């Protein structure tokens, strides 16, 4: 069965409050974390976009990429997902958070190769708690209405949306691929460093 075009959305609109630094601008081997993640996602999709908040639209690093600015406020990462669906409703979206230092092409290729044509979401099962990992997942075009209904009902947590939906859950080929960095403590054990 033929798929819709698959577009990539790298979520880089967070406020990084717990980290105290913009997570998209954390550095690895001389490049920003945002540049690292976008380069991996770009190799797996037909088009790539970076999700930003309004006030980040002219940010020097983010504006190097095609961006989609959040059209919704106060609902977290789902704002970026819905804004992307608004802009390109016929596309399937590979959604990837920018704060995954261990993400690699093999993980994303595996996810896309094992997507279900019949389910609105394909995601990995967390290697820590077995729950869906919504910020490295495929949201097919037809999931648009599902996500909107959850948001209308006050459910804005992407994990809860996937938990309460017909989601195909895959085992992660690399159990650490989706480890994220949220705090300075997380940063200390990772390949990333904050720019001083």
N, C-alpha and C. Protein backbone atom coordinates (compact mmCIF):
# COMPACT_ATOMS: atom_id res chain seq x y z
N UNK A 1 0.84 -1.19 0.00
CA UNK A 1 0.00 0.00 0.00
C UNK A 1 0.88 1.25 0.00
N UNK A 2 0.58 2.19 -0.86
CA UNK A 2 1.39 3.41 -0.94
C UNK A 2 1.09 4.31 0.26
N UNK A 3 2.14 4.94 0.75
CA UNK A 3 1.99 5.88 1.86
C UNK A 3 1.82 7.29 1.31
N UNK A 4 1.30 8.16 2.16
CA UNK A 4 1.34 9.60 1.87
C UNK A 4 2.80 10.03 1.88
N UNK A 5 3.06 11.23 1.41
CA UNK A 5 4.38 11.80 1.59
C UNK A 5 4.67 11.85 3.10
N UNK A 6 5.90 11.58 3.47
CA UNK A 6 6.27 11.62 4.88
C UNK A 6 7.16 12.83 5.11
N UNK A 7 6.69 13.73 5.95
CA UNK A 7 7.45 14.93 6.30
C UNK A 7 8.00 14.76 7.71
N UNK A 8 9.13 15.37 7.94
CA UNK A 8 9.74 15.32 9.27
C UNK A 8 9.49 16.61 10.02
N UNK A 9 9.19 16.49 11.31
CA UNK A 9 9.01 17.66 12.17
C UNK A 9 9.92 17.50 13.39
N UNK A 10 10.93 18.35 13.45
CA UNK A 10 11.81 18.34 14.63
C UNK A 10 11.29 19.39 15.60
N UNK A 11 10.87 18.92 16.76
CA UNK A 11 10.28 19.82 17.76
C UNK A 11 11.39 20.58 18.47
N UNK A 12 11.44 21.88 18.23
CA UNK A 12 12.49 22.72 18.83
C UNK A 12 11.89 23.98 19.45
N UNK A 13 10.62 23.89 19.85
CA UNK A 13 9.93 25.06 20.39
C UNK A 13 9.82 25.10 21.89
N UNK A 14 10.46 24.14 22.56
CA UNK A 14 10.36 24.11 24.03
C UNK A 14 11.08 25.28 24.69
N UNK A 15 10.73 25.51 25.95
CA UNK A 15 11.34 26.63 26.66
C UNK A 15 12.59 26.23 27.45
N UNK A 16 12.87 24.93 27.53
CA UNK A 16 14.10 24.42 28.18
C UNK A 16 14.26 24.97 29.60
N UNK A 17 13.13 25.09 30.33
CA UNK A 17 13.18 25.67 31.67
C UNK A 17 14.06 24.87 32.62
N UNK A 18 13.88 23.54 32.60
CA UNK A 18 14.66 22.71 33.54
C UNK A 18 16.14 22.71 33.20
N UNK A 19 16.47 22.80 31.91
CA UNK A 19 17.86 22.78 31.51
C UNK A 19 18.55 24.10 31.83
N UNK A 20 17.83 25.20 31.66
CA UNK A 20 18.45 26.51 31.88
C UNK A 20 19.21 27.00 30.66
N UNK A 21 19.27 26.20 29.60
CA UNK A 21 19.89 26.55 28.31
C UNK A 21 18.92 26.09 27.24
N UNK A 22 18.94 26.71 26.09
CA UNK A 22 18.13 26.27 24.96
C UNK A 22 18.66 24.92 24.50
N UNK A 23 17.83 23.87 24.63
CA UNK A 23 18.32 22.52 24.31
C UNK A 23 18.68 22.36 22.83
N UNK A 24 18.00 23.10 21.97
CA UNK A 24 18.32 23.01 20.54
C UNK A 24 19.73 23.50 20.25
N UNK A 25 20.26 24.36 21.13
CA UNK A 25 21.58 24.96 20.90
C UNK A 25 22.69 24.26 21.66
N UNK A 26 22.38 23.19 22.39
CA UNK A 26 23.43 22.40 23.00
C UNK A 26 24.36 21.91 21.90
N UNK A 27 25.62 21.74 22.24
CA UNK A 27 26.63 21.47 21.21
C UNK A 27 27.16 20.05 21.31
N UNK A 28 27.39 19.44 20.15
CA UNK A 28 28.03 18.12 20.06
C UNK A 28 29.00 18.17 18.90
N UNK A 29 30.23 17.88 19.16
CA UNK A 29 31.25 17.84 18.08
C UNK A 29 31.18 19.07 17.17
N UNK A 30 31.01 20.24 17.78
CA UNK A 30 31.05 21.47 17.01
C UNK A 30 29.77 21.86 16.30
N UNK A 31 28.71 21.04 16.40
CA UNK A 31 27.45 21.41 15.77
C UNK A 31 26.35 21.45 16.83
N UNK A 32 25.30 22.19 16.54
CA UNK A 32 24.20 22.26 17.51
C UNK A 32 23.43 20.94 17.51
N UNK A 33 22.78 20.67 18.63
CA UNK A 33 21.93 19.49 18.71
C UNK A 33 20.82 19.55 17.67
N UNK A 34 20.30 20.75 17.41
CA UNK A 34 19.27 20.90 16.39
C UNK A 34 19.79 20.49 15.02
N UNK A 35 20.99 20.93 14.69
CA UNK A 35 21.59 20.57 13.40
C UNK A 35 21.79 19.07 13.30
N UNK A 36 22.24 18.46 14.39
CA UNK A 36 22.46 17.01 14.42
C UNK A 36 21.16 16.25 14.15
N UNK A 37 20.11 16.60 14.90
CA UNK A 37 18.85 15.87 14.75
C UNK A 37 18.23 16.10 13.37
N UNK A 38 18.25 17.35 12.90
CA UNK A 38 17.66 17.62 11.59
C UNK A 38 18.38 16.86 10.49
N UNK A 39 19.69 16.72 10.61
CA UNK A 39 20.44 16.01 9.56
C UNK A 39 20.03 14.54 9.50
N UNK A 40 19.74 13.96 10.66
CA UNK A 40 19.32 12.55 10.70
C UNK A 40 17.90 12.39 10.17
N UNK A 41 17.00 13.25 10.65
CA UNK A 41 15.60 13.15 10.22
C UNK A 41 15.48 13.43 8.72
N UNK A 42 16.22 14.42 8.23
CA UNK A 42 16.14 14.80 6.81
C UNK A 42 16.43 13.62 5.89
N UNK A 43 17.31 12.73 6.31
CA UNK A 43 17.67 11.58 5.49
C UNK A 43 16.60 10.51 5.41
N UNK A 44 15.53 10.67 6.21
CA UNK A 44 14.49 9.64 6.28
C UNK A 44 13.14 10.10 5.75
N UNK A 45 13.03 11.38 5.35
CA UNK A 45 11.71 11.94 5.00
C UNK A 45 11.77 12.68 3.66
N UNK A 46 10.59 13.02 3.15
CA UNK A 46 10.50 13.75 1.89
C UNK A 46 10.80 15.23 2.06
N UNK A 47 10.38 15.81 3.18
CA UNK A 47 10.67 17.21 3.49
C UNK A 47 10.86 17.33 4.99
N UNK A 48 11.64 18.32 5.39
CA UNK A 48 11.94 18.49 6.81
C UNK A 48 11.54 19.89 7.27
N UNK A 49 10.96 19.96 8.46
CA UNK A 49 10.61 21.24 9.07
C UNK A 49 11.03 21.24 10.54
N UNK A 50 11.31 22.43 11.04
CA UNK A 50 11.60 22.62 12.46
C UNK A 50 10.43 23.38 13.07
N UNK A 51 9.92 22.85 14.17
CA UNK A 51 8.80 23.46 14.87
C UNK A 51 9.32 24.50 15.86
N UNK A 52 8.77 25.72 15.80
CA UNK A 52 9.23 26.80 16.69
C UNK A 52 8.04 27.54 17.30
N UNK A 53 8.30 28.20 18.41
CA UNK A 53 7.33 29.15 18.94
C UNK A 53 7.48 30.47 18.18
N UNK A 54 6.45 31.32 18.25
CA UNK A 54 6.46 32.59 17.52
C UNK A 54 7.73 33.40 17.78
N UNK A 55 8.10 33.49 19.06
CA UNK A 55 9.24 34.35 19.39
C UNK A 55 10.58 33.76 18.97
N UNK A 56 10.58 32.50 18.53
CA UNK A 56 11.82 31.86 18.06
C UNK A 56 11.96 31.92 16.53
N UNK A 57 10.96 32.47 15.89
CA UNK A 57 10.90 32.40 14.42
C UNK A 57 12.16 32.97 13.75
N UNK A 58 12.71 34.04 14.31
CA UNK A 58 13.89 34.66 13.70
C UNK A 58 15.20 34.24 14.36
N UNK A 59 15.14 33.24 15.23
CA UNK A 59 16.34 32.72 15.89
C UNK A 59 17.34 32.27 14.81
N UNK A 60 18.60 32.65 14.98
CA UNK A 60 19.60 32.40 13.94
C UNK A 60 19.73 30.91 13.60
N UNK A 61 19.73 30.06 14.61
CA UNK A 61 19.92 28.63 14.35
C UNK A 61 18.66 28.02 13.72
N UNK A 62 17.51 28.30 14.28
CA UNK A 62 16.27 27.70 13.77
C UNK A 62 15.95 28.18 12.35
N UNK A 63 16.24 29.45 12.07
CA UNK A 63 15.85 30.01 10.76
C UNK A 63 16.73 29.50 9.62
N UNK A 64 17.72 28.69 9.92
CA UNK A 64 18.50 28.02 8.86
C UNK A 64 17.67 26.94 8.17
N UNK A 65 16.58 26.55 8.82
CA UNK A 65 15.75 25.45 8.32
C UNK A 65 14.38 25.98 7.92
N UNK A 66 13.64 25.17 7.17
CA UNK A 66 12.22 25.49 6.95
C UNK A 66 11.52 25.30 8.29
N UNK A 67 10.79 26.33 8.71
CA UNK A 67 10.15 26.25 10.03
C UNK A 67 8.63 26.27 9.90
N UNK A 68 7.99 25.71 10.91
CA UNK A 68 6.54 25.85 11.08
C UNK A 68 6.34 26.44 12.47
N UNK A 69 5.74 27.61 12.50
CA UNK A 69 5.54 28.33 13.76
C UNK A 69 4.25 27.86 14.43
N UNK A 70 4.32 27.65 15.74
CA UNK A 70 3.14 27.21 16.49
C UNK A 70 1.97 28.17 16.28
N UNK A 71 0.81 27.61 16.00
CA UNK A 71 -0.42 28.40 15.88
C UNK A 71 -1.24 28.32 17.15
N UNK A 72 -0.76 27.55 18.12
CA UNK A 72 -1.49 27.32 19.38
C UNK A 72 -0.55 27.64 20.52
N UNK A 73 -1.10 28.08 21.64
CA UNK A 73 -0.26 28.42 22.79
C UNK A 73 -0.71 27.64 24.02
N UNK A 74 0.25 27.34 24.87
CA UNK A 74 -0.07 26.76 26.16
C UNK A 74 -0.43 25.29 26.15
N UNK A 75 -0.13 24.58 25.05
CA UNK A 75 -0.47 23.15 25.04
C UNK A 75 0.75 22.26 24.79
N UNK A 76 1.94 22.83 24.89
CA UNK A 76 3.16 22.02 24.80
C UNK A 76 3.44 21.51 23.40
N UNK A 77 4.12 20.35 23.31
CA UNK A 77 4.57 19.83 22.01
C UNK A 77 3.44 19.58 21.01
N UNK A 78 2.24 19.30 21.51
CA UNK A 78 1.14 19.03 20.59
C UNK A 78 0.80 20.27 19.75
N UNK A 79 1.19 21.44 20.23
CA UNK A 79 1.00 22.67 19.44
C UNK A 79 1.78 22.59 18.13
N UNK A 80 3.01 22.10 18.22
CA UNK A 80 3.84 21.96 17.02
C UNK A 80 3.28 20.91 16.07
N UNK A 81 2.79 19.82 16.63
CA UNK A 81 2.24 18.73 15.80
C UNK A 81 0.98 19.20 15.07
N UNK A 82 0.07 19.85 15.79
CA UNK A 82 -1.15 20.35 15.16
C UNK A 82 -0.85 21.44 14.13
N UNK A 83 0.11 22.30 14.42
CA UNK A 83 0.46 23.37 13.48
C UNK A 83 1.01 22.78 12.18
N UNK A 84 1.81 21.72 12.29
CA UNK A 84 2.33 21.05 11.10
C UNK A 84 1.19 20.41 10.30
N UNK A 85 0.25 19.79 11.01
CA UNK A 85 -0.90 19.17 10.34
C UNK A 85 -1.77 20.23 9.66
N UNK A 86 -1.88 21.40 10.28
CA UNK A 86 -2.63 22.50 9.65
C UNK A 86 -1.98 22.89 8.32
N UNK A 87 -0.66 22.97 8.35
CA UNK A 87 0.09 23.46 7.18
C UNK A 87 0.09 22.46 6.02
N UNK A 88 0.26 21.18 6.36
CA UNK A 88 0.33 20.13 5.32
C UNK A 88 -0.54 18.94 5.76
N UNK A 89 -1.87 19.08 5.60
CA UNK A 89 -2.78 18.05 6.13
C UNK A 89 -2.71 16.71 5.42
N UNK A 90 -2.13 16.67 4.20
CA UNK A 90 -2.07 15.40 3.47
C UNK A 90 -0.84 14.58 3.80
N UNK A 91 0.07 15.14 4.59
CA UNK A 91 1.33 14.45 4.88
C UNK A 91 1.22 13.58 6.13
N UNK A 92 1.99 12.50 6.14
CA UNK A 92 2.26 11.78 7.37
C UNK A 92 3.45 12.48 8.01
N UNK A 93 3.47 12.54 9.34
CA UNK A 93 4.52 13.30 10.04
C UNK A 93 5.37 12.40 10.93
N UNK A 94 6.67 12.39 10.65
CA UNK A 94 7.62 11.77 11.56
C UNK A 94 8.03 12.87 12.52
N UNK A 95 7.57 12.76 13.75
CA UNK A 95 7.80 13.79 14.78
C UNK A 95 8.95 13.34 15.67
N UNK A 96 9.97 14.19 15.80
CA UNK A 96 11.15 13.86 16.60
C UNK A 96 11.53 15.06 17.46
N UNK A 97 11.68 14.85 18.76
CA UNK A 97 12.12 15.92 19.66
C UNK A 97 13.58 16.24 19.41
N UNK A 98 13.95 17.50 19.62
CA UNK A 98 15.35 17.89 19.34
C UNK A 98 16.29 17.52 20.48
N UNK A 99 15.76 17.03 21.61
CA UNK A 99 16.62 16.78 22.78
C UNK A 99 16.99 15.30 22.96
N UNK A 100 17.19 14.61 21.84
CA UNK A 100 17.55 13.18 21.89
C UNK A 100 18.99 13.02 21.40
N UNK A 101 19.96 13.02 22.31
CA UNK A 101 21.36 12.98 21.88
C UNK A 101 21.77 11.66 21.22
N UNK A 102 21.02 10.57 21.48
CA UNK A 102 21.41 9.26 20.95
C UNK A 102 20.60 8.83 19.74
N UNK A 103 19.73 9.71 19.26
CA UNK A 103 18.90 9.31 18.12
C UNK A 103 19.80 9.03 16.91
N UNK A 104 19.41 8.05 16.12
CA UNK A 104 20.23 7.71 14.95
C UNK A 104 19.33 7.30 13.79
N UNK A 105 19.90 7.27 12.63
CA UNK A 105 19.13 6.95 11.42
C UNK A 105 18.53 5.55 11.48
N UNK A 106 19.24 4.60 12.07
CA UNK A 106 18.73 3.22 12.14
C UNK A 106 17.41 3.16 12.90
N UNK A 107 17.32 3.93 13.98
CA UNK A 107 16.10 3.95 14.79
C UNK A 107 14.93 4.49 13.98
N UNK A 108 15.16 5.60 13.27
CA UNK A 108 14.09 6.21 12.49
C UNK A 108 13.71 5.35 11.29
N UNK A 109 14.70 4.75 10.65
CA UNK A 109 14.44 3.87 9.51
C UNK A 109 13.60 2.68 9.95
N UNK A 110 13.91 2.12 11.11
CA UNK A 110 13.17 0.99 11.66
C UNK A 110 11.71 1.38 11.91
N UNK A 111 11.52 2.55 12.50
CA UNK A 111 10.16 3.03 12.78
C UNK A 111 9.35 3.14 11.49
N UNK A 112 9.94 3.77 10.47
CA UNK A 112 9.21 3.98 9.22
C UNK A 112 8.99 2.66 8.47
N UNK A 113 9.96 1.76 8.53
CA UNK A 113 9.82 0.48 7.83
C UNK A 113 8.73 -0.39 8.45
N UNK A 114 8.46 -0.16 9.73
CA UNK A 114 7.49 -1.00 10.44
C UNK A 114 6.18 -0.28 10.73
N UNK A 115 5.98 0.86 10.08
CA UNK A 115 4.74 1.62 10.29
C UNK A 115 3.55 0.78 9.89
N UNK A 116 2.43 1.06 10.52
CA UNK A 116 1.21 0.35 10.16
C UNK A 116 0.36 1.21 9.23
N UNK A 117 -0.10 0.64 8.11
CA UNK A 117 -0.97 1.41 7.22
C UNK A 117 -2.36 1.61 7.82
N UNK A 118 -2.68 0.83 8.85
CA UNK A 118 -4.04 0.85 9.42
C UNK A 118 -4.16 1.60 10.73
N UNK A 119 -3.05 2.03 11.29
CA UNK A 119 -3.12 2.67 12.61
C UNK A 119 -2.70 4.14 12.50
N UNK A 120 -3.34 5.00 13.30
CA UNK A 120 -3.04 6.43 13.19
C UNK A 120 -1.65 6.81 13.70
N UNK A 121 -1.11 5.98 14.60
CA UNK A 121 0.18 6.29 15.20
C UNK A 121 1.06 5.05 15.23
N UNK A 122 2.34 5.24 14.95
CA UNK A 122 3.33 4.19 15.15
C UNK A 122 4.42 4.80 16.04
N UNK A 123 4.71 4.13 17.14
CA UNK A 123 5.66 4.69 18.11
C UNK A 123 6.46 3.56 18.75
N UNK A 124 7.54 3.94 19.38
CA UNK A 124 8.31 2.97 20.16
C UNK A 124 7.76 2.87 21.57
N UNK A 125 7.90 1.68 22.12
CA UNK A 125 7.59 1.45 23.53
C UNK A 125 8.81 1.92 24.34
N UNK A 126 8.58 2.71 25.35
CA UNK A 126 9.69 3.19 26.18
C UNK A 126 10.44 2.02 26.79
N UNK A 127 11.76 2.09 26.77
CA UNK A 127 12.56 1.01 27.38
C UNK A 127 12.58 1.16 28.90
N UNK A 128 11.97 2.24 29.42
CA UNK A 128 11.95 2.45 30.88
C UNK A 128 10.61 2.09 31.50
N UNK A 129 9.51 2.44 30.84
CA UNK A 129 8.20 2.19 31.48
C UNK A 129 7.18 1.53 30.54
N UNK A 130 7.64 1.10 29.34
CA UNK A 130 6.77 0.38 28.40
C UNK A 130 5.69 1.24 27.76
N UNK A 131 5.63 2.53 28.09
CA UNK A 131 4.60 3.41 27.54
C UNK A 131 5.06 3.96 26.18
N UNK A 132 4.13 4.48 25.39
CA UNK A 132 4.52 5.02 24.07
C UNK A 132 5.48 6.20 24.19
N UNK A 133 6.40 6.28 23.25
CA UNK A 133 7.32 7.43 23.14
C UNK A 133 6.76 8.34 22.05
N UNK A 134 5.99 9.36 22.42
CA UNK A 134 5.27 10.14 21.41
C UNK A 134 6.12 11.15 20.65
N UNK A 135 7.34 11.42 21.14
CA UNK A 135 8.15 12.44 20.49
C UNK A 135 9.27 11.84 19.64
N UNK A 136 9.05 10.60 19.25
CA UNK A 136 9.78 9.97 18.15
C UNK A 136 8.77 8.97 17.60
N UNK A 137 7.85 9.48 16.80
CA UNK A 137 6.70 8.67 16.39
C UNK A 137 6.18 9.15 15.05
N UNK A 138 5.41 8.29 14.40
CA UNK A 138 4.77 8.63 13.14
C UNK A 138 3.30 8.92 13.38
N UNK A 139 2.88 10.10 12.94
CA UNK A 139 1.48 10.53 13.02
C UNK A 139 0.97 10.60 11.58
N UNK A 140 0.12 9.63 11.19
CA UNK A 140 -0.35 9.64 9.80
C UNK A 140 -1.36 10.77 9.61
N UNK A 141 -1.57 11.15 8.35
CA UNK A 141 -2.45 12.28 8.04
C UNK A 141 -3.82 12.13 8.69
N UNK A 142 -4.35 10.90 8.69
CA UNK A 142 -5.70 10.69 9.23
C UNK A 142 -5.76 10.83 10.76
N UNK A 143 -4.60 10.93 11.42
CA UNK A 143 -4.62 11.10 12.88
C UNK A 143 -4.94 12.53 13.29
N UNK A 144 -4.95 13.42 12.32
CA UNK A 144 -5.24 14.83 12.57
C UNK A 144 -6.51 15.02 13.41
N UNK A 145 -7.59 14.39 12.96
CA UNK A 145 -8.88 14.53 13.66
C UNK A 145 -8.82 13.94 15.06
N UNK A 146 -8.07 12.86 15.22
CA UNK A 146 -7.95 12.22 16.54
C UNK A 146 -7.24 13.15 17.51
N UNK A 147 -6.09 13.71 17.07
CA UNK A 147 -5.33 14.61 17.94
C UNK A 147 -6.19 15.82 18.30
N UNK A 148 -6.90 16.39 17.31
CA UNK A 148 -7.74 17.56 17.55
C UNK A 148 -8.83 17.27 18.58
N UNK A 149 -9.41 16.08 18.49
CA UNK A 149 -10.49 15.74 19.42
C UNK A 149 -9.96 15.63 20.85
N UNK A 150 -8.79 15.01 20.99
CA UNK A 150 -8.19 14.92 22.33
C UNK A 150 -7.94 16.32 22.90
N UNK A 151 -7.36 17.19 22.07
CA UNK A 151 -7.06 18.56 22.53
C UNK A 151 -8.35 19.28 22.90
N UNK A 152 -9.40 19.11 22.09
CA UNK A 152 -10.70 19.72 22.39
C UNK A 152 -11.25 19.22 23.73
N UNK A 153 -10.92 17.97 24.05
CA UNK A 153 -11.36 17.37 25.32
C UNK A 153 -10.43 17.68 26.48
N UNK A 154 -9.40 18.49 26.21
CA UNK A 154 -8.49 18.89 27.28
C UNK A 154 -7.30 17.96 27.48
N UNK A 155 -7.12 16.98 26.60
CA UNK A 155 -5.97 16.07 26.70
C UNK A 155 -4.89 16.59 25.73
N UNK A 156 -3.84 17.20 26.28
CA UNK A 156 -2.80 17.77 25.42
C UNK A 156 -1.46 17.05 25.56
N UNK A 157 -1.39 16.03 26.41
CA UNK A 157 -0.16 15.27 26.58
C UNK A 157 -0.05 14.25 25.43
N UNK A 158 0.98 14.38 24.56
CA UNK A 158 1.09 13.45 23.44
C UNK A 158 1.14 11.98 23.88
N UNK A 159 1.78 11.71 25.00
CA UNK A 159 1.86 10.31 25.47
C UNK A 159 0.47 9.78 25.80
N UNK A 160 -0.34 10.59 26.47
CA UNK A 160 -1.70 10.14 26.80
C UNK A 160 -2.53 9.94 25.54
N UNK A 161 -2.33 10.81 24.55
CA UNK A 161 -3.06 10.66 23.29
C UNK A 161 -2.73 9.31 22.66
N UNK A 162 -1.46 8.97 22.60
CA UNK A 162 -1.06 7.68 22.01
C UNK A 162 -1.51 6.50 22.87
N UNK A 163 -1.47 6.67 24.20
CA UNK A 163 -1.90 5.58 25.09
C UNK A 163 -3.38 5.27 24.92
N UNK A 164 -4.17 6.30 24.65
CA UNK A 164 -5.62 6.14 24.56
C UNK A 164 -6.11 5.95 23.13
N UNK A 165 -5.17 5.71 22.22
CA UNK A 165 -5.52 5.53 20.80
C UNK A 165 -5.04 4.16 20.32
N UNK A 166 -5.38 3.86 19.07
CA UNK A 166 -4.97 2.61 18.45
C UNK A 166 -3.56 2.80 17.89
N UNK A 167 -2.57 2.67 18.75
CA UNK A 167 -1.18 2.94 18.39
C UNK A 167 -0.41 1.64 18.23
N UNK A 168 0.33 1.54 17.13
CA UNK A 168 1.23 0.40 16.97
C UNK A 168 2.49 0.71 17.77
N UNK A 169 2.83 -0.16 18.71
CA UNK A 169 4.02 0.04 19.54
C UNK A 169 5.11 -0.94 19.13
N UNK A 170 6.29 -0.40 18.85
CA UNK A 170 7.45 -1.20 18.44
C UNK A 170 8.48 -1.22 19.55
N UNK A 171 9.25 -2.30 19.59
CA UNK A 171 10.38 -2.34 20.53
C UNK A 171 11.53 -1.55 19.92
N UNK A 172 12.22 -0.79 20.74
CA UNK A 172 13.35 0.01 20.26
C UNK A 172 14.53 -0.90 19.90
N UNK A 173 15.10 -0.75 18.71
CA UNK A 173 16.30 -1.54 18.38
C UNK A 173 17.46 -1.21 19.32
N UNK A 174 17.57 0.06 19.70
CA UNK A 174 18.59 0.50 20.66
C UNK A 174 17.85 1.10 21.84
N UNK A 175 17.92 0.45 23.02
CA UNK A 175 17.12 0.92 24.16
C UNK A 175 17.49 2.31 24.66
N UNK A 176 18.64 2.85 24.23
CA UNK A 176 19.03 4.19 24.69
C UNK A 176 18.84 5.27 23.63
N UNK A 177 18.34 4.89 22.46
CA UNK A 177 18.23 5.85 21.35
C UNK A 177 17.32 7.03 21.70
N UNK A 178 16.33 6.79 22.56
CA UNK A 178 15.36 7.85 22.85
C UNK A 178 15.57 8.49 24.22
N UNK A 179 16.71 8.23 24.84
CA UNK A 179 17.03 8.94 26.10
C UNK A 179 17.08 10.43 25.77
N UNK A 180 16.48 11.25 26.63
CA UNK A 180 16.54 12.69 26.35
C UNK A 180 17.30 13.43 27.45
N UNK A 181 17.60 14.68 27.19
CA UNK A 181 18.28 15.51 28.17
C UNK A 181 17.35 16.65 28.56
N UNK A 182 17.01 16.71 29.84
CA UNK A 182 16.12 17.75 30.33
C UNK A 182 16.75 18.67 31.36
N UNK A 183 17.77 18.15 32.04
CA UNK A 183 18.35 18.89 33.17
C UNK A 183 19.87 18.93 33.03
N UNK A 184 20.53 19.82 33.77
CA UNK A 184 22.00 19.81 33.76
C UNK A 184 22.58 18.46 34.18
N UNK A 185 21.89 17.73 35.04
CA UNK A 185 22.37 16.39 35.44
C UNK A 185 22.36 15.44 34.25
N UNK A 186 21.28 15.48 33.45
CA UNK A 186 21.20 14.64 32.24
C UNK A 186 22.35 14.98 31.30
N UNK A 187 22.65 16.26 31.22
CA UNK A 187 23.67 16.75 30.30
C UNK A 187 25.05 16.17 30.65
N UNK A 188 25.31 16.07 31.95
CA UNK A 188 26.62 15.58 32.39
C UNK A 188 26.92 14.18 31.90
N UNK A 189 25.90 13.36 31.74
CA UNK A 189 26.15 11.99 31.29
C UNK A 189 25.99 11.80 29.80
N UNK A 190 25.94 12.90 29.03
CA UNK A 190 25.66 12.78 27.60
C UNK A 190 26.82 13.27 26.76
N UNK A 191 26.64 13.18 25.44
CA UNK A 191 27.66 13.67 24.50
C UNK A 191 27.55 15.18 24.27
N UNK A 192 26.54 15.79 24.88
CA UNK A 192 26.27 17.21 24.64
C UNK A 192 26.94 18.10 25.67
N UNK A 193 27.11 19.35 25.28
CA UNK A 193 27.59 20.34 26.26
C UNK A 193 26.88 21.65 26.01
N UNK A 194 26.74 22.42 27.09
CA UNK A 194 26.10 23.73 26.98
C UNK A 194 27.14 24.74 26.49
N UNK A 195 26.67 25.65 25.69
CA UNK A 195 27.55 26.74 25.25
C UNK A 195 27.61 27.76 26.37
N UNK A 196 28.79 28.15 26.74
CA UNK A 196 28.93 29.14 27.83
C UNK A 196 28.80 30.52 27.27
